[in-house]
Amino acid sequence: MRTPRLPSYLRTHRRTWALTQRETAFLIGLQSGTAVSYYERRERSPQLRAVIAYELLFETSIRALVPGLAAGVERMLVYRARQLLQEFDSQKPTARIKRARQLLERIVARTEGGA
């Protein structure tokens, strides 16, 4: 039986490298350690700049750092891709629709194949 994945490994990585929340905040460009605390406890989602900084700081993809958040975003994306595919079903299959459909079908297939 697999051990359940933590929703966030931000704290784990920070502690592995013996950084305080204040030091981490400074490194990723935040005003205080409070924001780091919110991110670690999943009370707030990191802003894009912070996401990029976390990836660079810990040399780990954001999907690996916050798998719970990534999974939720992926579920939302697949749900919306399916909705858009249904909308495309009622439209004339133009070159643009066909191209967009390829992307959406890949998103749905990728998640169904890996889920």
Protein backbone atom coordinates (compact mmCIF):
# COMPACT_ATOMS: atom_id res chain seq x y z
CA MET A 1 0.00 0.00 0.00
CA ARG A 2 1.33 3.41 -0.98
CA THR A 3 1.76 6.16 1.56
CA PRO A 4 -0.60 9.05 0.82
CA ARG A 5 1.13 12.07 -0.67
CA LEU A 6 1.25 15.25 1.33
CA PRO A 7 -0.63 18.10 -0.31
CA SER A 8 2.48 20.29 -0.08
CA TYR A 9 6.19 19.64 0.33
CA LEU A 10 7.20 23.31 0.59
CA ARG A 11 7.85 23.04 4.32
CA THR A 12 9.71 19.75 3.88
CA HIS A 13 12.09 21.28 1.33
CA ARG A 14 12.57 24.45 3.37
CA ARG A 15 13.43 22.45 6.48
CA THR A 16 15.68 20.05 4.54
CA TRP A 17 17.78 23.07 3.60
CA ALA A 18 17.57 24.55 7.14
CA LEU A 19 15.90 27.78 6.01
CA THR A 20 13.55 29.81 8.17
CA GLN A 21 10.28 31.09 6.77
CA ARG A 22 11.71 34.62 6.87
CA GLU A 23 14.82 33.54 4.92
CA THR A 24 12.70 31.69 2.37
CA ALA A 25 10.46 34.72 1.97
CA PHE A 26 13.50 36.92 1.37
CA LEU A 27 14.90 34.52 -1.23
CA ILE A 28 11.68 34.22 -3.20
CA GLY A 29 10.88 37.92 -2.99
CA LEU A 30 8.13 38.08 -0.37
CA GLN A 31 7.73 40.76 2.28
CA SER A 32 7.65 38.40 5.28
CA GLY A 33 7.67 34.80 6.39
CA THR A 34 3.92 34.95 6.95
CA ALA A 35 3.24 34.37 3.25
CA VAL A 36 5.55 31.34 3.31
CA SER A 37 3.57 30.00 6.25
CA TYR A 38 0.30 30.48 4.34
CA TYR A 39 1.73 28.65 1.33
CA GLU A 40 3.04 25.79 3.46
CA ARG A 41 -0.32 25.35 5.20
CA ARG A 42 -2.20 25.73 1.89
CA GLU A 43 -4.14 28.71 3.18
CA ARG A 44 -3.11 30.59 0.04
CA SER A 45 -1.84 29.55 -3.37
CA PRO A 46 1.55 30.97 -4.35
CA GLN A 47 1.65 33.73 -6.94
CA LEU A 48 3.38 32.93 -10.23
CA ARG A 49 6.63 34.68 -9.27
CA ALA A 50 6.78 32.71 -6.03
CA VAL A 51 6.08 29.44 -7.90
CA ILE A 52 8.99 30.07 -10.25
CA ALA A 53 11.22 31.09 -7.35
CA TYR A 54 10.34 27.93 -5.38
CA GLU A 55 11.17 25.77 -8.41
CA LEU A 56 14.51 27.48 -8.88
CA LEU A 57 15.34 27.55 -5.17
CA PHE A 58 14.67 23.87 -4.49
CA GLU A 59 15.44 22.62 -8.02
CA THR A 60 12.13 20.76 -7.97
CA SER A 61 9.06 21.10 -10.18
CA ILE A 62 6.06 22.82 -8.68
CA ARG A 63 4.04 19.65 -9.30
CA ALA A 64 6.43 17.82 -6.97
CA LEU A 65 6.41 20.66 -4.41
CA VAL A 66 2.62 21.02 -4.18
CA PRO A 67 1.06 17.86 -5.64
CA GLY A 68 -2.29 18.53 -3.98
CA LEU A 69 -2.61 21.92 -5.65
CA ALA A 70 -1.35 20.54 -8.97
CA ALA A 71 -3.90 17.70 -8.88
CA GLY A 72 -6.73 20.14 -8.22
CA VAL A 73 -5.67 22.38 -11.09
CA GLU A 74 -5.39 19.35 -13.36
CA ARG A 75 -8.91 18.15 -12.47
CA MET A 76 -10.28 21.63 -13.23
CA LEU A 77 -8.41 21.78 -16.54
CA VAL A 78 -9.68 18.36 -17.67
CA TYR A 79 -13.23 19.25 -16.66
CA ARG A 80 -13.09 22.47 -18.67
CA ALA A 81 -11.40 20.76 -21.64
CA ARG A 82 -14.28 18.27 -21.76
CA GLN A 83 -16.80 21.13 -21.65
CA LEU A 84 -15.07 22.92 -24.50
CA LEU A 85 -14.92 19.70 -26.53
CA GLN A 86 -18.70 19.36 -26.14
CA GLU A 87 -19.12 22.96 -27.27
CA PHE A 88 -16.98 22.23 -30.34
CA ASP A 89 -19.25 19.29 -31.22
CA SER A 90 -22.02 21.74 -32.14
CA GLN A 91 -19.77 23.96 -34.26
CA LYS A 92 -18.57 23.76 -37.83
CA PRO A 93 -15.19 21.93 -37.85
CA THR A 94 -12.96 24.77 -39.06
CA ALA A 95 -9.18 24.47 -39.15
CA ARG A 96 -9.00 26.42 -35.87
CA ILE A 97 -11.54 24.15 -34.15
CA LYS A 98 -9.71 21.04 -35.37
CA ARG A 99 -6.38 22.35 -34.03
CA ALA A 100 -7.82 23.36 -30.66
CA ARG A 101 -9.59 20.00 -30.46
CA GLN A 102 -6.25 18.19 -30.84
CA LEU A 103 -4.88 19.95 -27.77
CA LEU A 104 -7.99 19.34 -25.67
CA GLU A 105 -8.18 15.66 -26.65
CA ARG A 106 -4.51 15.25 -25.68
CA ILE A 107 -5.20 16.79 -22.25
CA VAL A 108 -8.13 14.46 -21.61
CA ALA A 109 -6.28 11.38 -22.95
CA ARG A 110 -3.13 12.15 -20.95
CA THR A 111 -5.03 12.33 -17.69
CA GLU A 112 -7.21 9.31 -18.41
CA GLY A 113 -4.14 7.28 -19.34
CA GLY A 114 -2.21 8.31 -16.21
CA ALA A 115 -5.10 8.30 -13.76
